Amino acid sequence: MTSDLEKNVVETAYARWAPIYDAVCGPVMVMGRRAAAEAARAVGGKILEVGVGTGLSFDDYDASTEITGIDMSAPMLEKARAKMASGRYPWVKDVVQMDAHHMTFPDAVFDCVVAQFVITLVANPEQVLSECARVVKPGGKIILVNHLYSEVGMAAAVERWAAKRTRKLGLRPEFPFARLQAWADSNDTAQLIERRKVAPFGVYTLVCFQRTDTALVA
């Protein structure tokens, strides 16, 4: 199993990135971000954005949705709240500083949970996925978009090499899809319904789980 990132490393990294995040990461992640938001809009209703950051995705939603965002980074959330204060995003209900490993929401409250470029960064991805499954309604969707590492070939070797040098930046480029599949296989609360590369270059992968009707086991 991929070794997990330390929470304080990620928080420190994103505090540094907050002032430049939109300018640097916005163009790089735009296609993955739009693909995730498009899939979420198809579900509609109450949507939870896990790792909402600076609110970079606010433009990708519309009045058919009601967005709640959570993030651990206070500096990133300051940027998101400034966007909300502009009045341009009436569909954004709230952004809250919250640990995705221990969400304070009731069970089965959201129609869809979206995590864009997040699941490879959290300290315990399986715990976060289980929390996402807990707060989404039966039949609702959990939508992830991320770079998932190449498990064979030269790309895999390069990503393993890069992983040793980027962990202090809060990055984990060697995260495999197999880890997401293993989580789904090990519980009865969600099933994999979609996995596809995001155009145009297939750098990012969109993964969608659907919450089953099976009662959550404490």
N, C-alpha and C. Protein backbone atom coordinates (compact mmCIF):
# COMPACT_ATOMS: atom_id res chain seq x y z
N MET A 1 0.85 -1.20 0.00
CA MET A 1 0.00 0.00 0.00
C MET A 1 0.88 1.25 0.00
N THR A 2 0.45 2.25 -0.72
CA THR A 2 1.17 3.51 -0.75
C THR A 2 1.24 4.10 0.65
N SER A 3 2.43 4.54 1.07
CA SER A 3 2.54 5.18 2.38
C SER A 3 1.80 6.50 2.35
N ASP A 4 1.19 6.84 3.47
CA ASP A 4 0.30 7.99 3.51
C ASP A 4 1.04 9.27 3.87
N LEU A 5 0.51 10.36 3.36
CA LEU A 5 1.07 11.67 3.64
C LEU A 5 0.69 12.12 5.04
N GLU A 6 1.58 12.89 5.65
CA GLU A 6 1.27 13.46 6.95
C GLU A 6 0.39 14.68 6.76
N LYS A 7 -0.62 14.78 7.61
CA LYS A 7 -1.60 15.85 7.51
C LYS A 7 -0.96 17.23 7.58
N ASN A 8 0.02 17.39 8.49
CA ASN A 8 0.63 18.72 8.65
C ASN A 8 1.45 19.12 7.44
N VAL A 9 1.99 18.14 6.71
CA VAL A 9 2.75 18.44 5.49
C VAL A 9 1.82 19.04 4.44
N VAL A 10 0.64 18.45 4.27
CA VAL A 10 -0.32 18.94 3.29
C VAL A 10 -0.83 20.32 3.68
N GLU A 11 -1.16 20.51 4.95
CA GLU A 11 -1.68 21.81 5.40
C GLU A 11 -0.64 22.91 5.19
N THR A 12 0.62 22.62 5.51
CA THR A 12 1.67 23.62 5.34
C THR A 12 1.86 23.96 3.87
N ALA A 13 1.82 22.92 3.02
CA ALA A 13 2.00 23.15 1.59
C ALA A 13 0.90 24.03 1.02
N TYR A 14 -0.35 23.76 1.40
CA TYR A 14 -1.46 24.53 0.83
C TYR A 14 -1.55 25.93 1.40
N ALA A 15 -1.06 26.13 2.60
CA ALA A 15 -0.98 27.50 3.12
C ALA A 15 -0.02 28.33 2.27
N ARG A 16 1.04 27.70 1.80
CA ARG A 16 2.01 28.40 0.94
C ARG A 16 1.43 28.64 -0.45
N TRP A 17 0.64 27.71 -0.93
CA TRP A 17 0.12 27.80 -2.29
C TRP A 17 -1.09 28.72 -2.42
N ALA A 18 -1.77 28.98 -1.32
CA ALA A 18 -3.04 29.72 -1.39
C ALA A 18 -2.97 31.00 -2.23
N PRO A 19 -1.94 31.85 -2.05
CA PRO A 19 -1.92 33.11 -2.81
C PRO A 19 -1.79 32.93 -4.32
N ILE A 20 -1.21 31.81 -4.76
CA ILE A 20 -0.95 31.63 -6.19
C ILE A 20 -1.69 30.43 -6.78
N TYR A 21 -2.52 29.79 -5.98
CA TYR A 21 -3.13 28.52 -6.39
C TYR A 21 -3.95 28.66 -7.67
N ASP A 22 -4.81 29.68 -7.74
CA ASP A 22 -5.68 29.82 -8.91
C ASP A 22 -4.87 30.03 -10.18
N ALA A 23 -3.84 30.87 -10.09
CA ALA A 23 -3.05 31.19 -11.27
C ALA A 23 -2.22 30.00 -11.74
N VAL A 24 -1.69 29.23 -10.79
CA VAL A 24 -0.80 28.13 -11.14
C VAL A 24 -1.58 26.86 -11.46
N CYS A 25 -2.52 26.50 -10.59
CA CYS A 25 -3.22 25.22 -10.73
C CYS A 25 -4.48 25.29 -11.58
N GLY A 26 -5.07 26.47 -11.68
CA GLY A 26 -6.30 26.60 -12.46
C GLY A 26 -6.17 26.08 -13.88
N PRO A 27 -5.21 26.58 -14.66
CA PRO A 27 -5.07 26.12 -16.04
C PRO A 27 -4.66 24.65 -16.15
N VAL A 28 -3.85 24.18 -15.20
CA VAL A 28 -3.35 22.81 -15.26
C VAL A 28 -4.47 21.80 -15.02
N MET A 29 -5.39 22.13 -14.13
CA MET A 29 -6.41 21.18 -13.70
C MET A 29 -7.78 21.42 -14.33
N VAL A 30 -7.87 22.36 -15.26
CA VAL A 30 -9.17 22.80 -15.74
C VAL A 30 -10.00 21.68 -16.36
N MET A 31 -9.40 20.81 -17.15
CA MET A 31 -10.18 19.78 -17.82
C MET A 31 -10.71 18.74 -16.83
N GLY A 32 -9.89 18.36 -15.88
CA GLY A 32 -10.35 17.43 -14.85
C GLY A 32 -11.43 18.03 -13.99
N ARG A 33 -11.24 19.29 -13.63
CA ARG A 33 -12.22 19.99 -12.79
C ARG A 33 -13.57 20.08 -13.49
N ARG A 34 -13.56 20.45 -14.76
CA ARG A 34 -14.81 20.58 -15.51
C ARG A 34 -15.50 19.24 -15.69
N ALA A 35 -14.72 18.19 -15.89
CA ALA A 35 -15.32 16.86 -16.06
C ALA A 35 -16.04 16.43 -14.78
N ALA A 36 -15.42 16.68 -13.63
CA ALA A 36 -16.03 16.31 -12.36
C ALA A 36 -17.29 17.12 -12.10
N ALA A 37 -17.23 18.42 -12.37
CA ALA A 37 -18.40 19.28 -12.14
C ALA A 37 -19.53 18.94 -13.09
N GLU A 38 -19.20 18.59 -14.33
CA GLU A 38 -20.25 18.20 -15.29
C GLU A 38 -20.97 16.94 -14.81
N ALA A 39 -20.20 15.98 -14.31
CA ALA A 39 -20.81 14.76 -13.79
C ALA A 39 -21.68 15.06 -12.57
N ALA A 40 -21.23 15.99 -11.73
CA ALA A 40 -22.00 16.36 -10.54
C ALA A 40 -23.27 17.12 -10.92
N ARG A 41 -23.19 17.98 -11.91
CA ARG A 41 -24.38 18.72 -12.36
C ARG A 41 -25.44 17.76 -12.90
N ALA A 42 -25.00 16.67 -13.50
CA ALA A 42 -25.95 15.68 -14.01
C ALA A 42 -26.75 15.04 -12.87
N VAL A 43 -26.15 14.99 -11.69
CA VAL A 43 -26.86 14.51 -10.50
C VAL A 43 -27.73 15.62 -9.93
N GLY A 44 -27.13 16.82 -9.80
CA GLY A 44 -27.85 17.99 -9.29
C GLY A 44 -28.12 17.91 -7.81
N GLY A 45 -28.88 18.87 -7.31
CA GLY A 45 -29.25 18.88 -5.90
C GLY A 45 -28.12 19.35 -5.01
N LYS A 46 -28.07 18.78 -3.81
CA LYS A 46 -27.08 19.19 -2.81
C LYS A 46 -25.76 18.47 -3.06
N ILE A 47 -24.73 19.28 -3.30
CA ILE A 47 -23.42 18.73 -3.65
C ILE A 47 -22.40 19.17 -2.60
N LEU A 48 -21.62 18.21 -2.12
CA LEU A 48 -20.52 18.50 -1.20
C LEU A 48 -19.22 18.46 -1.97
N GLU A 49 -18.47 19.56 -1.91
CA GLU A 49 -17.13 19.62 -2.50
C GLU A 49 -16.12 19.39 -1.38
N VAL A 50 -15.48 18.25 -1.39
CA VAL A 50 -14.44 17.94 -0.41
C VAL A 50 -13.12 18.48 -0.95
N GLY A 51 -12.45 19.31 -0.15
CA GLY A 51 -11.24 19.96 -0.64
C GLY A 51 -11.57 21.09 -1.59
N VAL A 52 -12.52 21.92 -1.20
CA VAL A 52 -12.99 23.00 -2.08
C VAL A 52 -11.91 24.04 -2.34
N GLY A 53 -10.94 24.14 -1.44
CA GLY A 53 -9.82 25.05 -1.64
C GLY A 53 -10.23 26.49 -1.79
N THR A 54 -9.76 27.13 -2.84
CA THR A 54 -10.03 28.55 -3.09
C THR A 54 -11.36 28.79 -3.79
N GLY A 55 -12.13 27.72 -4.02
CA GLY A 55 -13.38 27.87 -4.75
C GLY A 55 -13.18 27.96 -6.25
N LEU A 56 -12.09 27.37 -6.71
CA LEU A 56 -11.77 27.42 -8.14
C LEU A 56 -12.87 26.81 -9.00
N SER A 57 -13.62 25.87 -8.44
CA SER A 57 -14.65 25.17 -9.21
C SER A 57 -16.00 25.87 -9.20
N PHE A 58 -16.15 26.98 -8.47
CA PHE A 58 -17.46 27.63 -8.36
C PHE A 58 -18.06 27.96 -9.72
N ASP A 59 -17.21 28.37 -10.66
CA ASP A 59 -17.69 28.73 -12.00
C ASP A 59 -18.25 27.53 -12.77
N ASP A 60 -17.90 26.33 -12.34
CA ASP A 60 -18.30 25.13 -13.08
C ASP A 60 -19.67 24.61 -12.67
N TYR A 61 -20.29 25.25 -11.68
CA TYR A 61 -21.63 24.86 -11.24
C TYR A 61 -22.64 25.92 -11.64
N ASP A 62 -23.92 25.64 -11.37
CA ASP A 62 -24.97 26.60 -11.71
C ASP A 62 -26.13 26.47 -10.73
N ALA A 63 -27.22 27.14 -11.02
CA ALA A 63 -28.34 27.21 -10.08
C ALA A 63 -29.09 25.89 -9.92
N SER A 64 -28.75 24.88 -10.70
CA SER A 64 -29.36 23.57 -10.51
C SER A 64 -28.74 22.82 -9.33
N THR A 65 -27.72 23.43 -8.73
CA THR A 65 -27.00 22.79 -7.64
C THR A 65 -26.96 23.69 -6.41
N GLU A 66 -26.72 23.07 -5.27
CA GLU A 66 -26.49 23.80 -4.02
C GLU A 66 -25.19 23.27 -3.44
N ILE A 67 -24.16 24.10 -3.45
CA ILE A 67 -22.81 23.65 -3.13
C ILE A 67 -22.45 23.97 -1.68
N THR A 68 -21.96 22.97 -0.98
CA THR A 68 -21.29 23.15 0.30
C THR A 68 -19.86 22.67 0.13
N GLY A 69 -18.90 23.46 0.58
CA GLY A 69 -17.50 23.09 0.44
C GLY A 69 -16.83 22.94 1.79
N ILE A 70 -15.91 21.98 1.88
CA ILE A 70 -15.09 21.86 3.08
C ILE A 70 -13.63 21.79 2.69
N ASP A 71 -12.78 22.25 3.59
CA ASP A 71 -11.34 22.20 3.37
C ASP A 71 -10.65 22.36 4.72
N MET A 72 -9.45 21.82 4.85
CA MET A 72 -8.70 21.98 6.08
C MET A 72 -7.88 23.27 6.11
N SER A 73 -7.65 23.86 4.94
CA SER A 73 -6.75 25.01 4.84
C SER A 73 -7.50 26.33 5.01
N ALA A 74 -7.26 27.01 6.11
CA ALA A 74 -7.89 28.31 6.34
C ALA A 74 -7.48 29.34 5.29
N PRO A 75 -6.20 29.42 4.89
CA PRO A 75 -5.83 30.39 3.85
C PRO A 75 -6.54 30.14 2.52
N MET A 76 -6.74 28.87 2.17
CA MET A 76 -7.46 28.57 0.93
C MET A 76 -8.92 28.98 1.05
N LEU A 77 -9.53 28.72 2.20
CA LEU A 77 -10.93 29.07 2.40
C LEU A 77 -11.16 30.58 2.41
N GLU A 78 -10.17 31.34 2.83
CA GLU A 78 -10.29 32.80 2.76
C GLU A 78 -10.51 33.24 1.33
N LYS A 79 -9.80 32.62 0.40
CA LYS A 79 -9.98 32.93 -1.03
C LYS A 79 -11.37 32.52 -1.50
N ALA A 80 -11.85 31.37 -1.04
CA ALA A 80 -13.18 30.90 -1.44
C ALA A 80 -14.26 31.85 -0.93
N ARG A 81 -14.12 32.30 0.31
CA ARG A 81 -15.13 33.20 0.89
C ARG A 81 -15.13 34.55 0.17
N ALA A 82 -13.98 34.99 -0.29
CA ALA A 82 -13.92 36.24 -1.06
C ALA A 82 -14.69 36.09 -2.37
N LYS A 83 -14.59 34.92 -3.00
CA LYS A 83 -15.37 34.67 -4.21
C LYS A 83 -16.87 34.69 -3.91
N MET A 84 -17.27 34.07 -2.80
CA MET A 84 -18.68 34.05 -2.42
C MET A 84 -19.19 35.47 -2.18
N ALA A 85 -18.36 36.31 -1.56
CA ALA A 85 -18.77 37.67 -1.22
C ALA A 85 -18.99 38.53 -2.46
N SER A 86 -18.46 38.10 -3.61
CA SER A 86 -18.65 38.85 -4.85
C SER A 86 -20.09 38.80 -5.34
N GLY A 87 -20.87 37.83 -4.85
CA GLY A 87 -22.25 37.68 -5.28
C GLY A 87 -22.43 36.93 -6.59
N ARG A 88 -21.35 36.45 -7.16
CA ARG A 88 -21.41 35.78 -8.46
C ARG A 88 -21.84 34.31 -8.35
N TYR A 89 -21.86 33.78 -7.13
CA TYR A 89 -22.08 32.34 -6.98
C TYR A 89 -23.20 32.06 -5.97
N PRO A 90 -24.43 32.40 -6.30
CA PRO A 90 -25.54 32.19 -5.36
C PRO A 90 -25.79 30.71 -5.06
N TRP A 91 -25.30 29.83 -5.91
CA TRP A 91 -25.49 28.39 -5.69
C TRP A 91 -24.53 27.83 -4.64
N VAL A 92 -23.55 28.63 -4.22
CA VAL A 92 -22.64 28.17 -3.16
C VAL A 92 -23.24 28.54 -1.81
N LYS A 93 -23.67 27.54 -1.07
CA LYS A 93 -24.35 27.77 0.20
C LYS A 93 -23.38 28.14 1.31
N ASP A 94 -22.26 27.40 1.42
CA ASP A 94 -21.34 27.63 2.53
C ASP A 94 -20.01 26.94 2.24
N VAL A 95 -18.94 27.46 2.83
CA VAL A 95 -17.66 26.75 2.87
C VAL A 95 -17.22 26.72 4.33
N VAL A 96 -16.72 25.56 4.74
CA VAL A 96 -16.45 25.32 6.16
C VAL A 96 -15.08 24.67 6.31
N GLN A 97 -14.35 25.10 7.33
CA GLN A 97 -13.09 24.42 7.66
C GLN A 97 -13.43 23.13 8.38
N MET A 98 -13.07 22.01 7.78
CA MET A 98 -13.46 20.71 8.33
C MET A 98 -12.50 19.65 7.83
N ASP A 99 -12.23 18.68 8.68
CA ASP A 99 -11.40 17.54 8.33
C ASP A 99 -12.26 16.50 7.62
N ALA A 100 -11.92 16.16 6.41
CA ALA A 100 -12.71 15.20 5.63
C ALA A 100 -12.69 13.80 6.23
N HIS A 101 -11.72 13.53 7.11
CA HIS A 101 -11.68 12.23 7.78
C HIS A 101 -12.77 12.11 8.85
N HIS A 102 -13.25 13.24 9.34
CA HIS A 102 -14.22 13.26 10.43
C HIS A 102 -15.25 14.36 10.16
N MET A 103 -16.09 14.16 9.16
CA MET A 103 -17.08 15.18 8.81
C MET A 103 -18.16 15.26 9.89
N THR A 104 -18.67 16.46 10.09
CA THR A 104 -19.69 16.67 11.12
C THR A 104 -21.11 16.66 10.54
N PHE A 105 -21.26 16.34 9.27
CA PHE A 105 -22.58 16.28 8.65
C PHE A 105 -23.34 15.03 9.09
N PRO A 106 -24.68 15.10 9.09
CA PRO A 106 -25.47 13.89 9.34
C PRO A 106 -25.28 12.88 8.21
N ASP A 107 -25.73 11.66 8.45
CA ASP A 107 -25.71 10.63 7.41
C ASP A 107 -26.66 11.00 6.27
N ALA A 108 -26.29 10.60 5.06
CA ALA A 108 -27.18 10.63 3.89
C ALA A 108 -27.83 11.99 3.67
N VAL A 109 -27.02 13.05 3.61
CA VAL A 109 -27.56 14.41 3.48
C VAL A 109 -27.30 15.03 2.11
N PHE A 110 -26.32 14.51 1.35
CA PHE A 110 -25.97 15.09 0.05
C PHE A 110 -26.38 14.16 -1.09
N ASP A 111 -26.73 14.77 -2.22
CA ASP A 111 -27.04 13.99 -3.42
C ASP A 111 -25.78 13.52 -4.13
N CYS A 112 -24.70 14.26 -3.93
CA CYS A 112 -23.45 13.96 -4.63
C CYS A 112 -22.29 14.51 -3.81
N VAL A 113 -21.19 13.79 -3.78
CA VAL A 113 -19.95 14.26 -3.16
C VAL A 113 -18.88 14.29 -4.23
N VAL A 114 -18.18 15.41 -4.33
CA VAL A 114 -17.13 15.59 -5.33
C VAL A 114 -15.80 15.83 -4.61
N ALA A 115 -14.77 15.13 -5.04
CA ALA A 115 -13.42 15.37 -4.51
C ALA A 115 -12.47 15.49 -5.70
N GLN A 116 -12.08 16.71 -6.00
CA GLN A 116 -11.22 16.99 -7.14
C GLN A 116 -9.78 17.15 -6.68
N PHE A 117 -8.91 16.26 -7.15
CA PHE A 117 -7.48 16.36 -6.84
C PHE A 117 -7.25 16.35 -5.33
N VAL A 118 -8.00 15.51 -4.64
CA VAL A 118 -7.96 15.48 -3.17
C VAL A 118 -7.57 14.12 -2.63
N ILE A 119 -8.14 13.06 -3.17
CA ILE A 119 -8.05 11.76 -2.51
C ILE A 119 -6.61 11.25 -2.44
N THR A 120 -5.74 11.71 -3.31
CA THR A 120 -4.34 11.29 -3.25
C THR A 120 -3.53 12.12 -2.26
N LEU A 121 -4.15 13.12 -1.65
CA LEU A 121 -3.43 14.02 -0.75
C LEU A 121 -3.78 13.82 0.72
N VAL A 122 -4.95 13.25 1.00
CA VAL A 122 -5.37 13.13 2.39
C VAL A 122 -4.57 12.05 3.10
N ALA A 123 -4.52 12.16 4.43
CA ALA A 123 -3.70 11.24 5.22
C ALA A 123 -4.18 9.80 5.12
N ASN A 124 -5.50 9.60 5.10
CA ASN A 124 -6.07 8.25 5.05
C ASN A 124 -7.19 8.24 4.00
N PRO A 125 -6.86 7.93 2.76
CA PRO A 125 -7.87 7.99 1.69
C PRO A 125 -9.08 7.09 1.94
N GLU A 126 -8.85 5.91 2.49
CA GLU A 126 -9.97 4.99 2.72
C GLU A 126 -10.96 5.56 3.74
N GLN A 127 -10.44 6.20 4.77
CA GLN A 127 -11.32 6.80 5.76
C GLN A 127 -12.14 7.93 5.16
N VAL A 128 -11.51 8.75 4.31
CA VAL A 128 -12.22 9.84 3.65
C VAL A 128 -13.29 9.29 2.72
N LEU A 129 -12.97 8.25 1.97
CA LEU A 129 -13.96 7.64 1.08
C LEU A 129 -15.15 7.10 1.87
N SER A 130 -14.88 6.50 3.01
CA SER A 130 -15.97 5.97 3.84
C SER A 130 -16.83 7.10 4.39
N GLU A 131 -16.22 8.23 4.72
CA GLU A 131 -16.99 9.39 5.17
C GLU A 131 -17.84 9.94 4.02
N CYS A 132 -17.28 9.95 2.82
CA CYS A 132 -18.06 10.39 1.66
C CYS A 132 -19.27 9.49 1.45
N ALA A 133 -19.06 8.18 1.60
CA ALA A 133 -20.17 7.23 1.44
C ALA A 133 -21.21 7.41 2.55
N ARG A 134 -20.76 7.81 3.71
CA ARG A 134 -21.70 8.01 4.82
C ARG A 134 -22.61 9.20 4.59
N VAL A 135 -22.05 10.31 4.09
CA VAL A 135 -22.84 11.55 4.00
C VAL A 135 -23.65 11.66 2.71
N VAL A 136 -23.38 10.79 1.73
CA VAL A 136 -24.16 10.84 0.49
C VAL A 136 -25.39 9.95 0.64
N LYS A 137 -26.46 10.35 -0.03
CA LYS A 137 -27.72 9.60 0.06
C LYS A 137 -27.62 8.27 -0.69
N PRO A 138 -28.40 7.27 -0.28
CA PRO A 138 -28.47 6.04 -1.08
C PRO A 138 -28.83 6.36 -2.53
N GLY A 139 -28.08 5.79 -3.45
CA GLY A 139 -28.27 6.10 -4.86
C GLY A 139 -27.47 7.30 -5.33
N GLY A 140 -26.93 8.07 -4.38
CA GLY A 140 -26.12 9.23 -4.72
C GLY A 140 -24.73 8.83 -5.19
N LYS A 141 -23.99 9.79 -5.70
CA LYS A 141 -22.69 9.49 -6.31
C LYS A 141 -21.54 10.17 -5.59
N ILE A 142 -20.41 9.50 -5.62
CA ILE A 142 -19.13 10.04 -5.16
C ILE A 142 -18.25 10.15 -6.40
N ILE A 143 -17.86 11.37 -6.75
CA ILE A 143 -17.12 11.62 -7.98
C ILE A 143 -15.72 12.10 -7.63
N LEU A 144 -14.73 11.38 -8.11
CA LEU A 144 -13.33 11.72 -7.89
C LEU A 144 -12.69 12.04 -9.23
N VAL A 145 -11.78 13.00 -9.23
CA VAL A 145 -10.93 13.20 -10.40
C VAL A 145 -9.52 13.45 -9.89
N ASN A 146 -8.56 12.78 -10.50
CA ASN A 146 -7.19 12.83 -10.02
C ASN A 146 -6.25 12.29 -11.09
N HIS A 147 -4.99 12.60 -10.92
CA HIS A 147 -3.97 11.83 -11.62
C HIS A 147 -3.75 10.57 -10.80
N LEU A 148 -3.93 9.41 -11.42
CA LEU A 148 -3.66 8.13 -10.77
C LEU A 148 -2.45 7.51 -11.45
N TYR A 149 -1.58 6.95 -10.64
CA TYR A 149 -0.27 6.61 -11.19
C TYR A 149 -0.32 5.43 -12.15
N SER A 150 0.60 5.47 -13.09
CA SER A 150 0.73 4.40 -14.08
C SER A 150 1.37 3.20 -13.39
N GLU A 151 0.70 2.05 -13.43
CA GLU A 151 1.15 0.91 -12.65
C GLU A 151 2.21 0.07 -13.35
N VAL A 152 2.43 0.32 -14.64
CA VAL A 152 3.47 -0.41 -15.37
C VAL A 152 4.19 0.55 -16.30
N GLY A 153 5.37 0.14 -16.76
CA GLY A 153 6.08 0.89 -17.77
C GLY A 153 6.94 2.03 -17.24
N MET A 154 7.48 2.80 -18.19
CA MET A 154 8.38 3.89 -17.86
C MET A 154 7.70 4.96 -17.01
N ALA A 155 6.43 5.26 -17.31
CA ALA A 155 5.71 6.29 -16.54
C ALA A 155 5.65 5.92 -15.07
N ALA A 156 5.44 4.64 -14.76
CA ALA A 156 5.38 4.20 -13.37
C ALA A 156 6.72 4.42 -12.68
N ALA A 157 7.81 4.11 -13.37
CA ALA A 157 9.14 4.30 -12.79
C ALA A 157 9.42 5.78 -12.51
N VAL A 158 9.04 6.64 -13.45
CA VAL A 158 9.24 8.08 -13.27
C VAL A 158 8.42 8.60 -12.10
N GLU A 159 7.19 8.14 -11.99
CA GLU A 159 6.32 8.61 -10.91
C GLU A 159 6.81 8.15 -9.55
N ARG A 160 7.35 6.93 -9.47
CA ARG A 160 7.91 6.46 -8.20
C ARG A 160 9.13 7.29 -7.83
N TRP A 161 9.94 7.63 -8.83
CA TRP A 161 11.11 8.48 -8.58
C TRP A 161 10.67 9.86 -8.11
N ALA A 162 9.65 10.43 -8.76
CA ALA A 162 9.17 11.76 -8.40
C ALA A 162 8.55 11.77 -7.01
N ALA A 163 7.93 10.67 -6.63
CA ALA A 163 7.23 10.62 -5.34
C ALA A 163 8.18 10.89 -4.19
N LYS A 164 9.40 10.38 -4.28
CA LYS A 164 10.37 10.57 -3.20
C LYS A 164 10.76 12.04 -3.04
N ARG A 165 10.59 12.81 -4.10
CA ARG A 165 11.05 14.20 -4.10
C ARG A 165 9.93 15.22 -3.93
N THR A 166 8.70 14.77 -3.97
CA THR A 166 7.58 15.72 -3.93
C THR A 166 6.70 15.60 -2.70
N ARG A 167 6.97 14.65 -1.82
CA ARG A 167 6.10 14.45 -0.67
C ARG A 167 6.11 15.66 0.27
N LYS A 168 7.25 16.35 0.38
CA LYS A 168 7.31 17.54 1.23
C LYS A 168 6.49 18.70 0.65
N LEU A 169 6.12 18.60 -0.60
CA LEU A 169 5.26 19.60 -1.24
C LEU A 169 3.79 19.26 -1.08
N GLY A 170 3.50 18.14 -0.41
CA GLY A 170 2.11 17.73 -0.24
C GLY A 170 1.57 16.96 -1.42
N LEU A 171 2.44 16.33 -2.20
CA LEU A 171 2.02 15.60 -3.39
C LEU A 171 2.28 14.10 -3.23
N ARG A 172 1.48 13.29 -3.92
CA ARG A 172 1.65 11.84 -3.90
C ARG A 172 1.37 11.31 -5.30
N PRO A 173 2.31 11.43 -6.24
CA PRO A 173 2.05 11.06 -7.63
C PRO A 173 1.97 9.56 -7.86
N GLU A 174 2.31 8.74 -6.87
CA GLU A 174 2.36 7.29 -7.08
C GLU A 174 1.09 6.59 -6.59
N PHE A 175 -0.02 7.30 -6.44
CA PHE A 175 -1.26 6.71 -5.92
C PHE A 175 -1.95 5.89 -7.01
N PRO A 176 -2.22 4.59 -6.78
CA PRO A 176 -2.81 3.73 -7.82
C PRO A 176 -4.33 3.64 -7.76
N PHE A 177 -4.95 3.39 -8.90
CA PHE A 177 -6.39 3.14 -8.94
C PHE A 177 -6.75 1.91 -8.11
N ALA A 178 -5.87 0.94 -8.06
CA ALA A 178 -6.16 -0.30 -7.34
C ALA A 178 -6.53 -0.03 -5.89
N ARG A 179 -6.02 1.03 -5.33
CA ARG A 179 -6.35 1.35 -3.93
C ARG A 179 -7.80 1.79 -3.80
N LEU A 180 -8.31 2.52 -4.78
CA LEU A 180 -9.72 2.90 -4.78
C LEU A 180 -10.61 1.67 -4.98
N GLN A 181 -10.20 0.81 -5.90
CA GLN A 181 -10.97 -0.41 -6.15
C GLN A 181 -11.01 -1.29 -4.91
N ALA A 182 -9.88 -1.40 -4.21
CA ALA A 182 -9.82 -2.22 -3.01
C ALA A 182 -10.76 -1.70 -1.93
N TRP A 183 -10.85 -0.36 -1.82
CA TRP A 183 -11.78 0.22 -0.84
C TRP A 183 -13.21 -0.19 -1.19
N ALA A 184 -13.59 -0.05 -2.45
CA ALA A 184 -14.96 -0.39 -2.86
C ALA A 184 -15.25 -1.88 -2.64
N ASP A 185 -14.25 -2.72 -2.91
CA ASP A 185 -14.45 -4.16 -2.77
C ASP A 185 -14.57 -4.59 -1.31
N SER A 186 -14.02 -3.77 -0.41
CA SER A 186 -13.96 -4.17 1.00
C SER A 186 -15.16 -3.70 1.81
N ASN A 187 -16.07 -2.96 1.20
CA ASN A 187 -17.24 -2.49 1.95
C ASN A 187 -18.49 -2.63 1.08
N ASP A 188 -19.64 -2.55 1.74
CA ASP A 188 -20.90 -2.73 1.01
C ASP A 188 -21.70 -1.43 0.91
N THR A 189 -21.02 -0.30 1.02
CA THR A 189 -21.72 0.98 0.99
C THR A 189 -21.63 1.69 -0.35
N ALA A 190 -20.73 1.25 -1.23
CA ALA A 190 -20.57 1.93 -2.52
C ALA A 190 -20.06 0.95 -3.56
N GLN A 191 -20.43 1.19 -4.80
CA GLN A 191 -19.93 0.36 -5.89
C GLN A 191 -19.39 1.24 -7.01
N LEU A 192 -18.35 0.76 -7.66
CA LEU A 192 -17.76 1.48 -8.78
C LEU A 192 -18.69 1.41 -9.97
N ILE A 193 -19.03 2.58 -10.55
CA ILE A 193 -19.90 2.58 -11.73
C ILE A 193 -19.23 3.22 -12.95
N GLU A 194 -18.12 3.92 -12.74
CA GLU A 194 -17.46 4.54 -13.89
C GLU A 194 -15.99 4.80 -13.58
N ARG A 195 -15.18 4.57 -14.60
CA ARG A 195 -13.76 4.94 -14.56
C ARG A 195 -13.37 5.31 -15.97
N ARG A 196 -12.92 6.53 -16.18
CA ARG A 196 -12.55 6.95 -17.53
C ARG A 196 -11.48 8.02 -17.50
N LYS A 197 -10.67 8.03 -18.53
CA LYS A 197 -9.67 9.07 -18.69
C LYS A 197 -10.35 10.35 -19.16
N VAL A 198 -9.82 11.47 -18.72
CA VAL A 198 -10.38 12.77 -19.08
C VAL A 198 -9.62 13.31 -20.29
N ALA A 199 -10.38 13.70 -21.33
CA ALA A 199 -9.78 14.29 -22.53
C ALA A 199 -9.16 15.65 -22.18
N PRO A 200 -8.20 16.15 -22.97
CA PRO A 200 -7.76 15.58 -24.24
C PRO A 200 -6.59 14.60 -24.12
N PHE A 201 -5.84 14.61 -23.03
CA PHE A 201 -4.60 13.83 -23.00
C PHE A 201 -4.66 12.63 -22.06
N GLY A 202 -5.73 12.48 -21.32
CA GLY A 202 -5.85 11.33 -20.44
C GLY A 202 -4.94 11.38 -19.23
N VAL A 203 -4.47 12.57 -18.88
CA VAL A 203 -3.60 12.71 -17.71
C VAL A 203 -4.38 12.43 -16.43
N TYR A 204 -5.64 12.85 -16.41
CA TYR A 204 -6.47 12.67 -15.23
C TYR A 204 -7.50 11.56 -15.46
N THR A 205 -7.90 10.94 -14.36
CA THR A 205 -8.91 9.89 -14.39
C THR A 205 -10.11 10.30 -13.56
N LEU A 206 -11.30 10.15 -14.11
CA LEU A 206 -12.53 10.37 -13.36
C LEU A 206 -13.04 9.02 -12.88
N VAL A 207 -13.32 8.93 -11.60
CA VAL A 207 -13.83 7.71 -10.98
C VAL A 207 -15.13 8.04 -10.28
N CYS A 208 -16.15 7.22 -10.50
CA CYS A 208 -17.45 7.48 -9.88
C CYS A 208 -17.94 6.23 -9.14
N PHE A 209 -18.29 6.42 -7.88
CA PHE A 209 -18.92 5.38 -7.07
C PHE A 209 -20.37 5.78 -6.82
N GLN A 210 -21.22 4.78 -6.66
CA GLN A 210 -22.61 5.03 -6.29
C GLN A 210 -22.89 4.39 -4.94
N ARG A 211 -23.48 5.18 -4.05
CA ARG A 211 -23.85 4.68 -2.73
C ARG A 211 -24.97 3.65 -2.88
N THR A 212 -24.76 2.50 -2.26
CA THR A 212 -25.76 1.45 -2.31
C THR A 212 -26.84 1.71 -1.27
N ASP A 213 -27.89 0.92 -1.33
CA ASP A 213 -28.98 1.05 -0.36
C ASP A 213 -28.70 0.31 0.94
N THR A 214 -27.59 -0.43 0.96
CA THR A 214 -27.24 -1.19 2.16
C THR A 214 -26.97 -0.25 3.31
N ALA A 215 -27.50 -0.55 4.47
CA ALA A 215 -27.28 0.31 5.65
C ALA A 215 -25.81 0.35 6.00
N LEU A 216 -25.34 1.51 6.38
CA LEU A 216 -23.96 1.66 6.79
C LEU A 216 -23.72 0.91 8.10
N VAL A 217 -22.59 0.25 8.16
CA VAL A 217 -22.23 -0.47 9.37
C VAL A 217 -21.32 0.40 10.21
N ALA A 218 -21.66 0.61 11.47
CA ALA A 218 -20.86 1.47 12.34
C ALA A 218 -19.49 0.86 12.59
